[in-house]
Amino acid sequence: MKISMDSNSNNPRITFDEGYDQFIKYCKVRNLRPATIKHYDNTMLSIYKFINPKTLVKDITKSTVDGFILYCRNELNVKDVTINTYVRTLRSILYYFMKLGWMKEFKVPNVRFDKHIIETYSEEELKLLLERPNKNKCTFTIFRSWTIVNFLIGTGVRVNSLVNIKNKDIDFENEVVLLDVTKNRQSVIIPLSSTLISVLREYMSIRGGELEDYLFCTEFGKKADRQTINTTINSYNKKRGVMKTGLHRFRHTFAKLWILNGGDVFKLQKMLCHSDMRIVRNYVEMFTCDIKKDFNNYNPLEGLQDNKNYNSKIKLKRK
């Protein structure tokens, strides 16, 4: 799609920081989420360490990008997956500049990196995290953290969806929750299990509030943001003797257990709000070793009596 040019479009003296300001303005016009723009701003802090903000846009070349990648690897000492995140942001900005004719066009490819399996929570760890606290003795924050852990394990939702759920989005009658804020901006309704419904009923009786209030609030009744939830859950885990942290780890754990329990991958795709089945296939590939455990014990062919000694009984006839 052709981007309309403004008065600065053909200005050869526009600097990197001036161009970035116009890029952010363009992002806001496109109604990108505040979280996305904040991500761009945070990434630019690292990019500006190598590319001087006052560098002329027309002077940025493929060599500049290559130098930035090497700088990240050798000086910032960050992992390739993080470098790739930086490069994706830089590519979006530079391609915007290119479309406006501010600089020469060139390709900015992704950085190759090895995919590492995110270690999920073990059964023993989940038992510790899901042990019900005494609501008469624990703080609201502890009971909220316990409820959140139940919710994440029971639904696999992203944290951004979690913090934007309102009281009115929980439908006990139909046993579903409405996710009004998702990554692809499409509202999704996902089912709630019987156990999670019981947990939510108890939590909401303590939480109270109006229908328009956010479900997972602070102890003062205000909306709890992502950082607040992340900090409290990390503390909650450690107090329970679980050293693993990270909210996204619950999402991977949900996907893994769903697959190991024989759950349908198409339903998993719906639950995880993935528009591309390829992403769901990645979960299947990641957990291949777990799926193979006790494979012969549960495989129907191996369980058939007539086939158990098949190889020992059959004799091949030679001509």
Protein backbone atom coordinates (compact mmCIF):
# COMPACT_ATOMS: atom_id res chain seq x y z
CA MET A 1 0.00 0.00 0.00
CA LYS A 2 1.34 3.43 -0.97
CA ILE A 3 2.03 5.72 1.97
CA SER A 4 1.12 9.36 1.42
CA MET A 5 4.12 11.65 1.68
CA ASP A 6 4.32 14.83 3.74
CA SER A 7 6.41 17.95 3.39
CA ASN A 8 9.49 16.20 4.77
CA SER A 9 9.26 13.17 2.46
CA ASN A 10 11.98 14.29 0.07
CA ASN A 11 14.10 16.07 2.65
CA PRO A 12 17.58 14.49 2.47
CA ARG A 13 18.52 16.09 5.80
CA ILE A 14 15.96 14.29 7.97
CA THR A 15 17.63 12.57 10.94
CA PHE A 16 16.97 9.13 12.39
CA ASP A 17 15.20 10.44 15.49
CA GLU A 18 13.07 12.85 13.43
CA GLY A 19 12.11 10.00 11.13
CA TYR A 20 11.28 7.77 14.09
CA ASP A 21 8.96 10.43 15.51
CA GLN A 22 7.06 10.47 12.22
CA PHE A 23 7.00 6.66 12.18
CA ILE A 24 5.35 6.64 15.63
CA LYS A 25 2.84 9.23 14.45
CA TYR A 26 2.04 6.93 11.51
CA CYS A 27 1.61 3.99 13.94
CA LYS A 28 -0.86 5.98 16.02
CA VAL A 29 -2.83 6.91 12.90
CA ARG A 30 -3.03 3.17 12.13
CA ASN A 31 -4.36 2.70 15.69
CA LEU A 32 -1.62 0.34 16.82
CA ARG A 33 -1.92 -0.70 20.45
CA PRO A 34 -0.13 1.44 23.07
CA ALA A 35 1.79 -1.70 24.10
CA THR A 36 3.19 -2.01 20.57
CA ILE A 37 4.31 1.61 20.52
CA LYS A 38 5.84 1.21 23.96
CA HIS A 39 7.72 -1.84 22.65
CA TYR A 40 9.08 0.26 19.77
CA ASP A 41 10.20 2.98 22.20
CA ASN A 42 11.95 0.47 24.48
CA THR A 43 13.72 -1.19 21.55
CA MET A 44 14.91 2.16 20.22
CA LEU A 45 16.88 2.67 23.44
CA SER A 46 19.14 -0.21 22.32
CA ILE A 47 19.18 0.82 18.66
CA TYR A 48 20.23 4.38 19.53
CA LYS A 49 23.27 2.98 21.36
CA PHE A 50 24.70 2.02 17.96
CA ILE A 51 22.94 4.27 15.45
CA ASN A 52 23.29 7.88 16.53
CA PRO A 53 19.84 9.55 16.66
CA LYS A 54 21.22 12.43 14.59
CA THR A 55 22.41 10.13 11.80
CA LEU A 56 20.89 11.16 8.48
CA VAL A 57 18.32 8.59 7.37
CA LYS A 58 19.78 8.57 3.85
CA ASP A 59 23.12 7.40 5.28
CA ILE A 60 21.70 4.26 6.90
CA THR A 61 22.63 1.20 4.80
CA LYS A 62 22.66 -2.58 4.94
CA SER A 63 26.14 -2.26 6.43
CA THR A 64 24.65 -0.19 9.26
CA VAL A 65 22.16 -2.93 10.07
CA ASP A 66 24.86 -5.63 9.94
CA GLY A 67 27.03 -3.55 12.26
CA PHE A 68 24.14 -3.18 14.70
CA ILE A 69 23.61 -6.96 14.78
CA LEU A 70 27.30 -7.56 15.53
CA TYR A 71 27.22 -4.82 18.16
CA CYS A 72 24.27 -6.50 19.92
CA ARG A 73 26.02 -9.85 19.87
CA ASN A 74 29.48 -8.70 20.91
CA GLU A 75 28.90 -5.60 23.03
CA LEU A 76 25.39 -5.88 24.44
CA ASN A 77 25.82 -9.65 24.85
CA VAL A 78 22.17 -10.40 24.12
CA LYS A 79 20.76 -13.64 22.75
CA ASP A 80 19.97 -14.10 19.07
CA VAL A 81 16.25 -14.30 19.77
CA THR A 82 16.44 -10.83 21.38
CA ILE A 83 18.56 -9.51 18.52
CA ASN A 84 15.89 -10.77 16.14
CA THR A 85 13.29 -8.78 18.08
CA TYR A 86 15.43 -5.65 17.71
CA VAL A 87 15.90 -6.31 14.00
CA ARG A 88 12.15 -6.72 13.42
CA THR A 89 11.55 -3.30 14.97
CA LEU A 90 14.38 -1.70 13.00
CA ARG A 91 13.09 -3.29 9.80
CA SER A 92 9.59 -1.85 10.33
CA ILE A 93 11.06 1.62 10.78
CA LEU A 94 13.48 1.44 7.86
CA TYR A 95 10.88 0.02 5.48
CA TYR A 96 8.67 2.97 6.38
CA PHE A 97 11.54 5.31 5.49
CA MET A 98 12.11 3.45 2.22
CA LYS A 99 8.47 3.77 1.19
CA LEU A 100 8.68 7.49 1.76
CA GLY A 101 11.79 7.68 -0.41
CA TRP A 102 14.03 8.85 2.40
CA MET A 103 16.67 6.17 1.82
CA LYS A 104 17.77 3.51 -0.64
CA GLU A 105 15.88 0.21 -0.49
CA PHE A 106 17.49 -2.99 0.77
CA LYS A 107 16.28 -6.14 2.52
CA VAL A 108 16.57 -6.55 6.27
CA PRO A 109 16.37 -10.32 6.94
CA ASN A 110 15.69 -11.94 10.29
CA VAL A 111 18.55 -13.25 12.38
CA ARG A 112 18.65 -17.03 12.48
CA PHE A 113 18.49 -18.55 15.92
CA ASP A 114 17.98 -21.94 17.52
CA LYS A 115 14.55 -22.48 18.98
CA HIS A 116 14.75 -23.48 22.61
CA ILE A 117 11.97 -25.34 24.34
CA ILE A 118 10.48 -23.33 27.19
CA GLU A 119 10.60 -25.54 30.25
CA THR A 120 7.06 -25.98 31.49
CA TYR A 121 5.86 -26.45 35.06
CA SER A 122 6.12 -30.01 36.28
CA GLU A 123 3.25 -31.90 37.90
CA GLU A 124 4.89 -31.51 41.31
CA GLU A 125 5.30 -27.76 40.82
CA LEU A 126 1.71 -27.36 39.69
CA LYS A 127 0.48 -29.14 42.81
CA LEU A 128 2.39 -26.64 44.94
CA LEU A 129 1.06 -23.66 42.99
CA LEU A 130 -2.53 -24.88 42.94
CA GLU A 131 -2.74 -25.76 46.63
CA ARG A 132 -5.67 -23.73 47.92
CA PRO A 133 -4.76 -21.01 50.44
CA ASN A 134 -6.88 -20.32 53.50
CA LYS A 135 -8.86 -17.26 52.44
CA ASN A 136 -9.52 -16.36 56.06
CA LYS A 137 -5.81 -16.10 56.84
CA CYS A 138 -4.11 -15.05 53.59
CA THR A 139 -4.00 -11.61 51.99
CA PHE A 140 -6.14 -10.62 49.01
CA THR A 141 -2.99 -10.55 46.84
CA ILE A 142 -2.19 -14.18 47.68
CA PHE A 143 -5.75 -15.33 46.96
CA ARG A 144 -5.77 -13.34 43.72
CA SER A 145 -2.44 -14.93 42.70
CA TRP A 146 -3.82 -18.40 43.39
CA THR A 147 -6.88 -17.59 41.29
CA ILE A 148 -4.73 -16.25 38.46
CA VAL A 149 -2.60 -19.41 38.43
CA ASN A 150 -5.80 -21.48 38.21
CA PHE A 151 -7.05 -19.23 35.40
CA LEU A 152 -3.81 -19.43 33.39
CA ILE A 153 -3.55 -23.21 33.76
CA GLY A 154 -7.25 -23.60 32.98
CA THR A 155 -7.39 -21.39 29.89
CA GLY A 156 -3.88 -20.72 28.54
CA VAL A 157 -4.75 -17.07 27.87
CA ARG A 158 -2.15 -14.40 27.22
CA VAL A 159 -1.41 -12.01 30.06
CA ASN A 160 -2.60 -9.01 28.04
CA SER A 161 -6.00 -10.69 27.71
CA LEU A 162 -6.00 -11.66 31.39
CA VAL A 163 -5.52 -8.13 32.76
CA ASN A 164 -8.29 -6.75 30.54
CA ILE A 165 -11.02 -9.18 31.62
CA LYS A 166 -13.88 -7.45 33.41
CA ASN A 167 -16.34 -8.91 35.90
CA LYS A 168 -19.07 -8.82 33.27
CA ASP A 169 -16.98 -11.00 30.93
CA ILE A 170 -17.39 -14.04 33.19
CA ASP A 171 -20.58 -15.86 32.19
CA PHE A 172 -21.31 -18.50 34.82
CA GLU A 173 -24.61 -19.49 33.23
CA ASN A 174 -22.99 -20.53 29.95
CA GLU A 175 -19.65 -21.42 31.59
CA VAL A 176 -17.55 -19.20 29.32
CA VAL A 177 -15.37 -16.09 29.46
CA LEU A 178 -15.26 -13.33 26.86
CA LEU A 179 -11.77 -12.19 25.89
CA ASP A 180 -12.38 -8.73 24.52
CA VAL A 181 -8.68 -7.88 24.19
CA THR A 182 -6.62 -10.34 22.14
CA LYS A 183 -3.46 -10.17 20.05
CA ASN A 184 -5.37 -10.22 16.74
CA ARG A 185 -7.99 -7.78 18.07
CA GLN A 186 -10.83 -10.25 17.64
CA SER A 187 -13.07 -10.97 20.60
CA VAL A 188 -13.06 -14.64 21.57
CA ILE A 189 -15.29 -16.73 23.83
CA ILE A 190 -13.61 -19.68 25.51
CA PRO A 191 -15.09 -22.26 27.89
CA LEU A 192 -14.41 -22.48 31.60
CA SER A 193 -13.87 -25.80 33.35
CA SER A 194 -15.93 -26.83 36.36
CA THR A 195 -12.99 -26.41 38.72
CA LEU A 196 -12.16 -22.95 37.39
CA ILE A 197 -15.80 -21.88 37.73
CA SER A 198 -15.74 -22.83 41.41
CA VAL A 199 -12.48 -20.95 41.92
CA LEU A 200 -13.83 -17.84 40.17
CA ARG A 201 -17.09 -17.86 42.12
CA GLU A 202 -15.18 -17.85 45.38
CA TYR A 203 -12.70 -15.20 44.22
CA MET A 204 -15.42 -12.90 42.88
CA SER A 205 -17.34 -13.15 46.14
CA ILE A 206 -14.24 -11.66 47.80
CA ARG A 207 -13.31 -9.30 44.98
CA GLY A 208 -16.78 -7.77 44.64
CA GLY A 209 -17.04 -4.62 42.54
CA GLU A 210 -19.22 -3.53 39.63
CA LEU A 211 -19.73 -5.36 36.33
CA GLU A 212 -17.48 -2.86 34.52
CA ASP A 213 -14.64 -3.33 37.01
CA TYR A 214 -11.61 -5.38 36.01
CA LEU A 215 -11.64 -8.93 37.32
CA PHE A 216 -8.05 -9.06 38.51
CA CYS A 217 -7.60 -5.82 40.41
CA THR A 218 -5.14 -4.45 42.92
CA GLU A 219 -5.93 -4.56 46.62
CA PHE A 220 -7.34 -1.05 46.16
CA GLY A 221 -9.77 -2.20 43.47
CA LYS A 222 -7.89 -0.66 40.54
CA LYS A 223 -6.90 -2.47 37.35
CA ALA A 224 -3.75 -4.56 37.85
CA ASP A 225 -1.31 -4.08 34.98
CA ARG A 226 0.96 -6.69 33.42
CA GLN A 227 3.99 -5.73 35.51
CA THR A 228 2.03 -5.92 38.76
CA ILE A 229 0.72 -9.39 37.91
CA ASN A 230 4.16 -10.56 36.81
CA THR A 231 5.83 -9.36 40.02
CA THR A 232 3.22 -10.82 42.35
CA ILE A 233 3.12 -14.20 40.57
CA ASN A 234 6.91 -14.45 40.64
CA SER A 235 6.81 -13.80 44.38
CA TYR A 236 3.92 -16.25 44.80
CA ASN A 237 5.85 -19.00 42.99
CA LYS A 238 8.97 -18.59 45.11
CA LYS A 239 6.99 -18.56 48.35
CA ARG A 240 5.50 -21.87 47.25
CA GLY A 241 8.98 -23.28 46.60
CA VAL A 242 8.76 -23.06 42.80
CA MET A 243 11.81 -21.29 41.40
CA LYS A 244 10.50 -21.20 37.82
CA THR A 245 8.87 -17.90 36.94
CA GLY A 246 7.39 -16.19 33.91
CA LEU A 247 3.72 -15.78 33.11
CA HIS A 248 4.04 -17.06 29.53
CA ARG A 249 5.33 -20.36 30.93
CA PHE A 250 1.77 -21.09 32.10
CA ARG A 251 0.56 -20.79 28.50
CA HIS A 252 3.11 -23.33 27.32
CA THR A 253 2.21 -25.61 30.22
CA PHE A 254 -1.48 -25.41 29.28
CA ALA A 255 -0.68 -26.31 25.66
CA LYS A 256 1.57 -29.19 26.66
CA LEU A 257 -0.90 -30.75 29.08
CA TRP A 258 -3.75 -30.30 26.59
CA ILE A 259 -1.78 -32.25 23.98
CA LEU A 260 -0.61 -34.93 26.41
CA ASN A 261 -4.20 -35.41 27.58
CA GLY A 262 -5.26 -36.10 24.02
CA GLY A 263 -6.87 -32.72 23.38
CA ASP A 264 -7.85 -31.78 19.84
CA VAL A 265 -5.30 -29.44 18.17
CA PHE A 266 -8.03 -27.44 16.42
CA LYS A 267 -9.70 -26.72 19.75
CA LEU A 268 -6.27 -25.83 21.15
CA GLN A 269 -5.82 -23.34 18.32
CA LYS A 270 -9.16 -21.76 19.23
CA MET A 271 -8.32 -21.66 22.93
CA LEU A 272 -4.93 -20.06 22.32
CA CYS A 273 -6.41 -17.55 19.84
CA HIS A 274 -3.88 -18.48 17.15
CA SER A 275 -4.91 -17.58 13.61
CA ASP A 276 -2.19 -19.80 12.12
CA MET A 277 -2.16 -23.56 12.72
CA ARG A 278 1.60 -23.57 12.16
CA ILE A 279 2.11 -21.94 15.54
CA VAL A 280 0.07 -24.68 17.21
CA ARG A 281 2.13 -27.31 15.38
CA ASN A 282 5.19 -25.83 17.05
CA TYR A 283 3.76 -26.89 20.41
CA VAL A 284 3.31 -30.44 19.14
CA GLU A 285 6.89 -30.50 17.87
CA MET A 286 8.25 -29.07 21.14
CA PHE A 287 6.58 -31.73 23.22
CA THR A 288 7.41 -34.71 20.98
CA CYS A 289 9.59 -36.35 23.62
CA ASP A 290 6.81 -36.12 26.21
CA ILE A 291 4.30 -37.59 23.78
CA LYS A 292 6.60 -40.55 23.12
CA LYS A 293 6.78 -41.46 26.81
CA ASP A 294 4.98 -44.75 27.49
CA PHE A 295 3.97 -44.79 23.82
CA ASN A 296 4.07 -48.58 23.55
CA ASN A 297 2.08 -49.00 26.77
CA TYR A 298 -0.84 -46.98 25.44
CA ASN A 299 -0.61 -47.75 21.76
CA PRO A 300 -3.68 -49.80 20.72
CA LEU A 301 -1.70 -52.01 18.35
CA GLU A 302 0.71 -53.02 21.11
CA GLY A 303 -2.23 -53.81 23.38
CA LEU A 304 -3.80 -56.34 21.05
CA GLN A 305 -3.02 -59.85 22.32
CA ASP A 306 -2.72 -61.35 18.86
CA ASN A 307 0.03 -58.92 17.94
CA LYS A 308 2.12 -59.11 21.10
CA ASN A 309 4.25 -62.01 19.98
CA TYR A 310 3.82 -61.37 16.28
CA ASN A 311 7.52 -61.02 15.49
CA SER A 312 8.52 -64.12 17.41
CA LYS A 313 5.85 -66.40 15.91
CA ILE A 314 5.99 -65.47 12.29
CA LYS A 315 8.51 -67.25 10.08
CA LEU A 316 9.51 -65.92 6.75
CA LYS A 317 9.54 -68.51 4.00
CA ARG A 318 12.43 -68.36 1.65
CA LYS A 319 12.22 -69.67 -1.86
